[in-house]
Amino acid sequence: MGPSNHTSATEILIAEARTIAETSLYYAEVYYAAETPWFYLRYWFGIPSTILATAAGAIAFLKFPGNEVIAGSSSFLVAALSALYVALDPMAKGSAFHDLATAYEVLYHDIGFFLRFHAAYEKTPHAELRLRVQALHDRLTALQTIRLPVSARAYRIADEILAGRRNGEVKRDSKSLKQDGGNDA
């Protein structure tokens, strides 16, 4: 059985929109946290590869016993690091996490807009509010069908961010997403 009057039905819709916002904020932070190691991985491969390649080149021109072995070994290490970098493709993986995080963040901010400008006016017909909340829910569901492997560390970071123990990536909507109109979500 549904709500008995327009106000309680509207309150239910607004509560559902806030739930969708909380979920989208959480997953935005999870995916932003998951992207970070992939972007730093390029340094873990790139810097040693550059140093080893430079050293191999310099050693190849030096005249001392065994320089060919050292230069050749360094070259093989550079090749191995390069092959691993290409196989892992950290930039593409980091970008995939970033794109998904951004999509969740956009949904979060769209819900804030909805709550400030559509749900806030009592004259908005209940049927229109219901359709808008359903559309927001459908967007969240579509995003949740995209699965990327996320580490437990990324979930812990997101939990810390939402608990206020760490700064996050998403600019929070402090007015429309809290039921009491208080502090950040």
C-alpha atoms as a PDB file:
ATOM      1  CA  MET A   1       0.000   0.000   0.000  1.00  0.00           C
ATOM      2  CA  GLY A   2       1.320   3.421  -0.992  1.00  0.00           C
ATOM      3  CA  PRO A   3       1.642   6.636   0.980  1.00  0.00           C
ATOM      4  CA  SER A   4      -1.600   8.161   2.194  1.00  0.00           C
ATOM      5  CA  ASN A   5      -1.008  11.735   1.002  1.00  0.00           C
ATOM      6  CA  HIS A   6       1.023  13.868  -1.404  1.00  0.00           C
ATOM      7  CA  THR A   7       3.464  15.150   1.233  1.00  0.00           C
ATOM      8  CA  SER A   8       4.470  11.735   2.535  1.00  0.00           C
ATOM      9  CA  ALA A   9       4.825  10.407  -1.025  1.00  0.00           C
ATOM     10  CA  THR A  10       7.033  13.364  -1.887  1.00  0.00           C
ATOM     11  CA  GLU A  11       9.104  12.798   1.240  1.00  0.00           C
ATOM     12  CA  ILE A  12       9.599   9.174   0.226  1.00  0.00           C
ATOM     13  CA  LEU A  13      10.775  10.259  -3.229  1.00  0.00           C
ATOM     14  CA  ILE A  14      13.154  12.828  -1.757  1.00  0.00           C
ATOM     15  CA  ALA A  15      14.525  10.208   0.644  1.00  0.00           C
ATOM     16  CA  GLU A  16      15.080   7.844  -2.301  1.00  0.00           C
ATOM     17  CA  ALA A  17      16.895  10.590  -4.229  1.00  0.00           C
ATOM     18  CA  ARG A  18      19.144  11.171  -1.209  1.00  0.00           C
ATOM     19  CA  THR A  19      19.871   7.446  -1.007  1.00  0.00           C
ATOM     20  CA  ILE A  20      20.843   7.434  -4.693  1.00  0.00           C
ATOM     21  CA  ALA A  21      23.055  10.473  -4.033  1.00  0.00           C
ATOM     22  CA  GLU A  22      24.800   8.765  -1.097  1.00  0.00           C
ATOM     23  CA  THR A  23      25.409   5.662  -3.196  1.00  0.00           C
ATOM     24  CA  SER A  24      26.737   7.654  -6.148  1.00  0.00           C
ATOM     25  CA  LEU A  25      29.006   9.709  -3.860  1.00  0.00           C
ATOM     26  CA  TYR A  26      30.385   6.535  -2.281  1.00  0.00           C
ATOM     27  CA  TYR A  27      31.158   4.873  -5.603  1.00  0.00           C
ATOM     28  CA  ALA A  28      32.636   8.063  -7.037  1.00  0.00           C
ATOM     29  CA  GLU A  29      35.105   8.114  -4.146  1.00  0.00           C
ATOM     30  CA  VAL A  30      35.772   4.359  -4.490  1.00  0.00           C
ATOM     31  CA  TYR A  31      36.611   4.658  -8.169  1.00  0.00           C
ATOM     32  CA  TYR A  32      38.681   7.813  -7.680  1.00  0.00           C
ATOM     33  CA  ALA A  33      40.668   5.945  -5.005  1.00  0.00           C
ATOM     34  CA  ALA A  34      41.024   2.949  -7.329  1.00  0.00           C
ATOM     35  CA  GLU A  35      42.394   5.058 -10.193  1.00  0.00           C
ATOM     36  CA  THR A  36      45.282   6.555  -8.221  1.00  0.00           C
ATOM     37  CA  PRO A  37      47.590   3.504  -8.090  1.00  0.00           C
ATOM     38  CA  TRP A  38      47.256   3.009 -11.844  1.00  0.00           C
ATOM     39  CA  PHE A  39      48.365   6.552 -12.582  1.00  0.00           C
ATOM     40  CA  TYR A  40      51.344   6.250 -10.220  1.00  0.00           C
ATOM     41  CA  LEU A  41      52.341   2.916 -11.746  1.00  0.00           C
ATOM     42  CA  ARG A  42      53.634   4.716 -14.827  1.00  0.00           C
ATOM     43  CA  TYR A  43      56.289   6.295 -12.615  1.00  0.00           C
ATOM     44  CA  TRP A  44      57.213   2.953 -11.072  1.00  0.00           C
ATOM     45  CA  PHE A  45      57.915   1.612 -14.548  1.00  0.00           C
ATOM     46  CA  GLY A  46      58.968   4.767 -16.376  1.00  0.00           C
ATOM     47  CA  ILE A  47      61.608   6.123 -14.021  1.00  0.00           C
ATOM     48  CA  PRO A  48      63.556   2.846 -13.557  1.00  0.00           C
ATOM     49  CA  SER A  49      63.300   2.150 -17.302  1.00  0.00           C
ATOM     50  CA  THR A  50      64.703   5.557 -18.146  1.00  0.00           C
ATOM     51  CA  ILE A  51      67.544   5.245 -15.644  1.00  0.00           C
ATOM     52  CA  LEU A  52      68.414   1.715 -16.784  1.00  0.00           C
ATOM     53  CA  ALA A  53      68.279   2.669 -20.477  1.00  0.00           C
ATOM     54  CA  THR A  54      70.542   5.646 -19.851  1.00  0.00           C
ATOM     55  CA  ALA A  55      72.955   3.528 -17.822  1.00  0.00           C
ATOM     56  CA  ALA A  56      72.985   0.757 -20.461  1.00  0.00           C
ATOM     57  CA  GLY A  57      73.763   3.274 -23.179  1.00  0.00           C
ATOM     58  CA  ALA A  58      76.576   4.875 -21.186  1.00  0.00           C
ATOM     59  CA  ILE A  59      78.069   1.537 -20.133  1.00  0.00           C
ATOM     60  CA  ALA A  60      78.054   0.279 -23.721  1.00  0.00           C
ATOM     61  CA  PHE A  61      80.521   3.018 -24.675  1.00  0.00           C
ATOM     62  CA  LEU A  62      82.861   2.484 -21.737  1.00  0.00           C
ATOM     63  CA  LYS A  63      85.948   0.350 -22.140  1.00  0.00           C
ATOM     64  CA  PHE A  64      86.264  -2.090 -19.251  1.00  0.00           C
ATOM     65  CA  PRO A  65      85.958  -5.852 -18.958  1.00  0.00           C
ATOM     66  CA  GLY A  66      82.355  -7.059 -18.819  1.00  0.00           C
ATOM     67  CA  ASN A  67      80.757  -3.795 -19.935  1.00  0.00           C
ATOM     68  CA  GLU A  68      78.906  -5.620 -22.707  1.00  0.00           C
ATOM     69  CA  VAL A  69      77.330  -7.989 -20.174  1.00  0.00           C
ATOM     70  CA  ILE A  70      76.210  -5.137 -17.911  1.00  0.00           C
ATOM     71  CA  ALA A  71      74.880  -3.096 -20.844  1.00  0.00           C
ATOM     72  CA  GLY A  72      73.097  -6.132 -22.289  1.00  0.00           C
ATOM     73  CA  SER A  73      71.565  -7.105 -18.929  1.00  0.00           C
ATOM     74  CA  SER A  74      70.371  -3.542 -18.382  1.00  0.00           C
ATOM     75  CA  SER A  75      68.847  -3.527 -21.855  1.00  0.00           C
ATOM     76  CA  PHE A  76      66.982  -6.763 -21.106  1.00  0.00           C
ATOM     77  CA  LEU A  77      65.633  -5.253 -17.882  1.00  0.00           C
ATOM     78  CA  VAL A  78      64.470  -2.173 -19.774  1.00  0.00           C
ATOM     79  CA  ALA A  79      62.764  -4.413 -22.335  1.00  0.00           C
ATOM     80  CA  ALA A  80      61.089  -6.454 -19.568  1.00  0.00           C
ATOM     81  CA  LEU A  81      59.839  -3.320 -17.787  1.00  0.00           C
ATOM     82  CA  SER A  82      58.573  -1.891 -21.065  1.00  0.00           C
ATOM     83  CA  ALA A  83      56.772  -5.119 -21.943  1.00  0.00           C
ATOM     84  CA  LEU A  84      55.170  -5.261 -18.515  1.00  0.00           C
ATOM     85  CA  TYR A  85      54.108  -1.621 -18.796  1.00  0.00           C
ATOM     86  CA  VAL A  86      52.523  -2.268 -22.185  1.00  0.00           C
ATOM     87  CA  ALA A  87      50.783  -5.418 -20.918  1.00  0.00           C
ATOM     88  CA  LEU A  88      49.387  -3.712 -17.817  1.00  0.00           C
ATOM     89  CA  ASP A  89      48.547  -0.473 -19.630  1.00  0.00           C
ATOM     90  CA  PRO A  90      48.153   1.539 -16.430  1.00  0.00           C
ATOM     91  CA  MET A  91      47.029   4.703 -18.219  1.00  0.00           C
ATOM     92  CA  ALA A  92      44.071   2.948 -19.844  1.00  0.00           C
ATOM     93  CA  LYS A  93      43.104   1.241 -16.590  1.00  0.00           C
ATOM     94  CA  GLY A  94      43.428   4.478 -14.637  1.00  0.00           C
ATOM     95  CA  SER A  95      41.331   6.272 -17.240  1.00  0.00           C
ATOM     96  CA  ALA A  96      38.606   3.621 -17.038  1.00  0.00           C
ATOM     97  CA  PHE A  97      38.378   4.100 -13.258  1.00  0.00           C
ATOM     98  CA  HIS A  98      38.438   7.874 -13.692  1.00  0.00           C
ATOM     99  CA  ASP A  99      35.640   7.817 -16.274  1.00  0.00           C
ATOM    100  CA  LEU A 100      33.425   5.711 -14.017  1.00  0.00           C
ATOM    101  CA  ALA A 101      34.196   7.895 -10.982  1.00  0.00           C
ATOM    102  CA  THR A 102      33.322  10.981 -12.993  1.00  0.00           C
ATOM    103  CA  ALA A 103      30.015   9.457 -14.112  1.00  0.00           C
ATOM    104  CA  TYR A 104      29.076   8.732 -10.484  1.00  0.00           C
ATOM    105  CA  GLU A 105      30.126  12.253  -9.487  1.00  0.00           C
ATOM    106  CA  VAL A 106      27.983  13.806 -12.228  1.00  0.00           C
ATOM    107  CA  LEU A 107      25.011  11.762 -11.023  1.00  0.00           C
ATOM    108  CA  TYR A 108      25.662  12.936  -7.466  1.00  0.00           C
ATOM    109  CA  HIS A 109      25.648  16.590  -8.529  1.00  0.00           C
ATOM    110  CA  ASP A 110      22.579  16.110 -10.732  1.00  0.00           C
ATOM    111  CA  ILE A 111      20.708  14.797  -7.710  1.00  0.00           C
ATOM    112  CA  GLY A 112      21.777  17.864  -5.746  1.00  0.00           C
ATOM    113  CA  PHE A 113      20.386  20.036  -8.528  1.00  0.00           C
ATOM    114  CA  PHE A 114      17.177  18.005  -8.543  1.00  0.00           C
ATOM    115  CA  LEU A 115      16.730  18.407  -4.795  1.00  0.00           C
ATOM    116  CA  ARG A 116      17.463  22.147  -4.862  1.00  0.00           C
ATOM    117  CA  PHE A 117      15.279  23.064  -7.816  1.00  0.00           C
ATOM    118  CA  HIS A 118      12.665  20.396  -8.435  1.00  0.00           C
ATOM    119  CA  ALA A 119      11.898  18.618  -5.198  1.00  0.00           C
ATOM    120  CA  ALA A 120      12.152  21.815  -3.161  1.00  0.00           C
ATOM    121  CA  TYR A 121       9.074  23.338  -4.755  1.00  0.00           C
ATOM    122  CA  GLU A 122       5.863  21.929  -3.396  1.00  0.00           C
ATOM    123  CA  LYS A 123       4.074  22.812  -6.623  1.00  0.00           C
ATOM    124  CA  THR A 124       5.978  20.188  -8.619  1.00  0.00           C
ATOM    125  CA  PRO A 125       3.469  17.413  -9.324  1.00  0.00           C
ATOM    126  CA  HIS A 126       4.134  14.143  -7.553  1.00  0.00           C
ATOM    127  CA  ALA A 127       4.033  12.217 -10.836  1.00  0.00           C
ATOM    128  CA  GLU A 128       6.798  14.406 -12.266  1.00  0.00           C
ATOM    129  CA  LEU A 129       8.919  13.946  -9.132  1.00  0.00           C
ATOM    130  CA  ARG A 130       8.410  10.192  -9.351  1.00  0.00           C
ATOM    131  CA  LEU A 131       9.534  10.130 -12.989  1.00  0.00           C
ATOM    132  CA  ARG A 132      12.618  12.202 -12.217  1.00  0.00           C
ATOM    133  CA  VAL A 133      13.613   9.990  -9.276  1.00  0.00           C
ATOM    134  CA  GLN A 134      13.052   6.909 -11.430  1.00  0.00           C
ATOM    135  CA  ALA A 135      15.345   8.394 -14.100  1.00  0.00           C
ATOM    136  CA  LEU A 136      18.023   9.034 -11.459  1.00  0.00           C
ATOM    137  CA  HIS A 137      17.623   5.467 -10.205  1.00  0.00           C
ATOM    138  CA  ASP A 138      17.931   4.139 -13.763  1.00  0.00           C
ATOM    139  CA  ARG A 139      21.184   6.083 -14.244  1.00  0.00           C
ATOM    140  CA  LEU A 140      22.577   4.622 -11.027  1.00  0.00           C
ATOM    141  CA  THR A 141      21.568   1.124 -12.091  1.00  0.00           C
ATOM    142  CA  ALA A 142      23.239   1.596 -15.478  1.00  0.00           C
ATOM    143  CA  LEU A 143      26.462   2.709 -13.790  1.00  0.00           C
ATOM    144  CA  GLN A 144      26.367  -0.240 -11.403  1.00  0.00           C
ATOM    145  CA  THR A 145      26.340  -2.663 -14.333  1.00  0.00           C
ATOM    146  CA  ILE A 146      29.859  -1.479 -15.220  1.00  0.00           C
ATOM    147  CA  ARG A 147      32.195  -3.486 -13.039  1.00  0.00           C
ATOM    148  CA  LEU A 148      35.883  -2.772 -12.653  1.00  0.00           C
ATOM    149  CA  PRO A 149      38.038  -4.712 -10.186  1.00  0.00           C
ATOM    150  CA  VAL A 150      38.480  -2.526  -7.120  1.00  0.00           C
ATOM    151  CA  SER A 151      40.907  -3.205  -4.298  1.00  0.00           C
ATOM    152  CA  ALA A 152      39.848  -3.429  -0.672  1.00  0.00           C
ATOM    153  CA  ARG A 153      42.155  -0.454  -0.098  1.00  0.00           C
ATOM    154  CA  ALA A 154      40.028   1.739  -2.392  1.00  0.00           C
ATOM    155  CA  TYR A 155      36.903   0.813  -0.412  1.00  0.00           C
ATOM    156  CA  ARG A 156      38.692   1.615   2.867  1.00  0.00           C
ATOM    157  CA  ILE A 157      39.780   4.994   1.490  1.00  0.00           C
ATOM    158  CA  ALA A 158      36.205   5.785   0.417  1.00  0.00           C
ATOM    159  CA  ASP A 159      34.939   4.784   3.873  1.00  0.00           C
ATOM    160  CA  GLU A 160      37.492   7.113   5.482  1.00  0.00           C
ATOM    161  CA  ILE A 161      36.482   9.944   3.159  1.00  0.00           C
ATOM    162  CA  LEU A 162      32.790   9.586   3.918  1.00  0.00           C
ATOM    163  CA  ALA A 163      33.558   9.337   7.646  1.00  0.00           C
ATOM    164  CA  GLY A 164      35.388  12.682   7.386  1.00  0.00           C
ATOM    165  CA  ARG A 165      38.821  11.269   8.267  1.00  0.00           C
ATOM    166  CA  ARG A 166      40.274  11.987   4.828  1.00  0.00           C
ATOM    167  CA  ASN A 167      39.770  14.469   2.000  1.00  0.00           C
ATOM    168  CA  GLY A 168      37.971  13.210  -1.066  1.00  0.00           C
ATOM    169  CA  GLU A 169      37.818  14.072  -4.735  1.00  0.00           C
ATOM    170  CA  VAL A 170      34.121  14.951  -4.964  1.00  0.00           C
ATOM    171  CA  LYS A 171      32.965  18.431  -4.034  1.00  0.00           C
ATOM    172  CA  ARG A 172      30.105  17.826  -1.639  1.00  0.00           C
ATOM    173  CA  ASP A 173      26.689  19.409  -1.881  1.00  0.00           C
ATOM    174  CA  SER A 174      26.180  20.648   1.661  1.00  0.00           C
ATOM    175  CA  LYS A 175      22.655  21.999   1.447  1.00  0.00           C
ATOM    176  CA  SER A 176      20.344  19.835  -0.601  1.00  0.00           C
ATOM    177  CA  LEU A 177      21.532  16.357   0.308  1.00  0.00           C
ATOM    178  CA  LYS A 178      21.193  16.552   4.080  1.00  0.00           C
ATOM    179  CA  GLN A 179      17.735  16.027   5.461  1.00  0.00           C
ATOM    180  CA  ASP A 180      18.252  18.726   8.056  1.00  0.00           C
ATOM    181  CA  GLY A 181      20.024  21.098   5.624  1.00  0.00           C
ATOM    182  CA  GLY A 182      23.148  20.870   7.793  1.00  0.00           C
ATOM    183  CA  ASN A 183      26.762  19.909   7.206  1.00  0.00           C
ATOM    184  CA  ASP A 184      28.314  18.071   4.294  1.00  0.00           C
ATOM    185  CA  ALA A 185      27.097  14.617   3.436  1.00  0.00           C
END
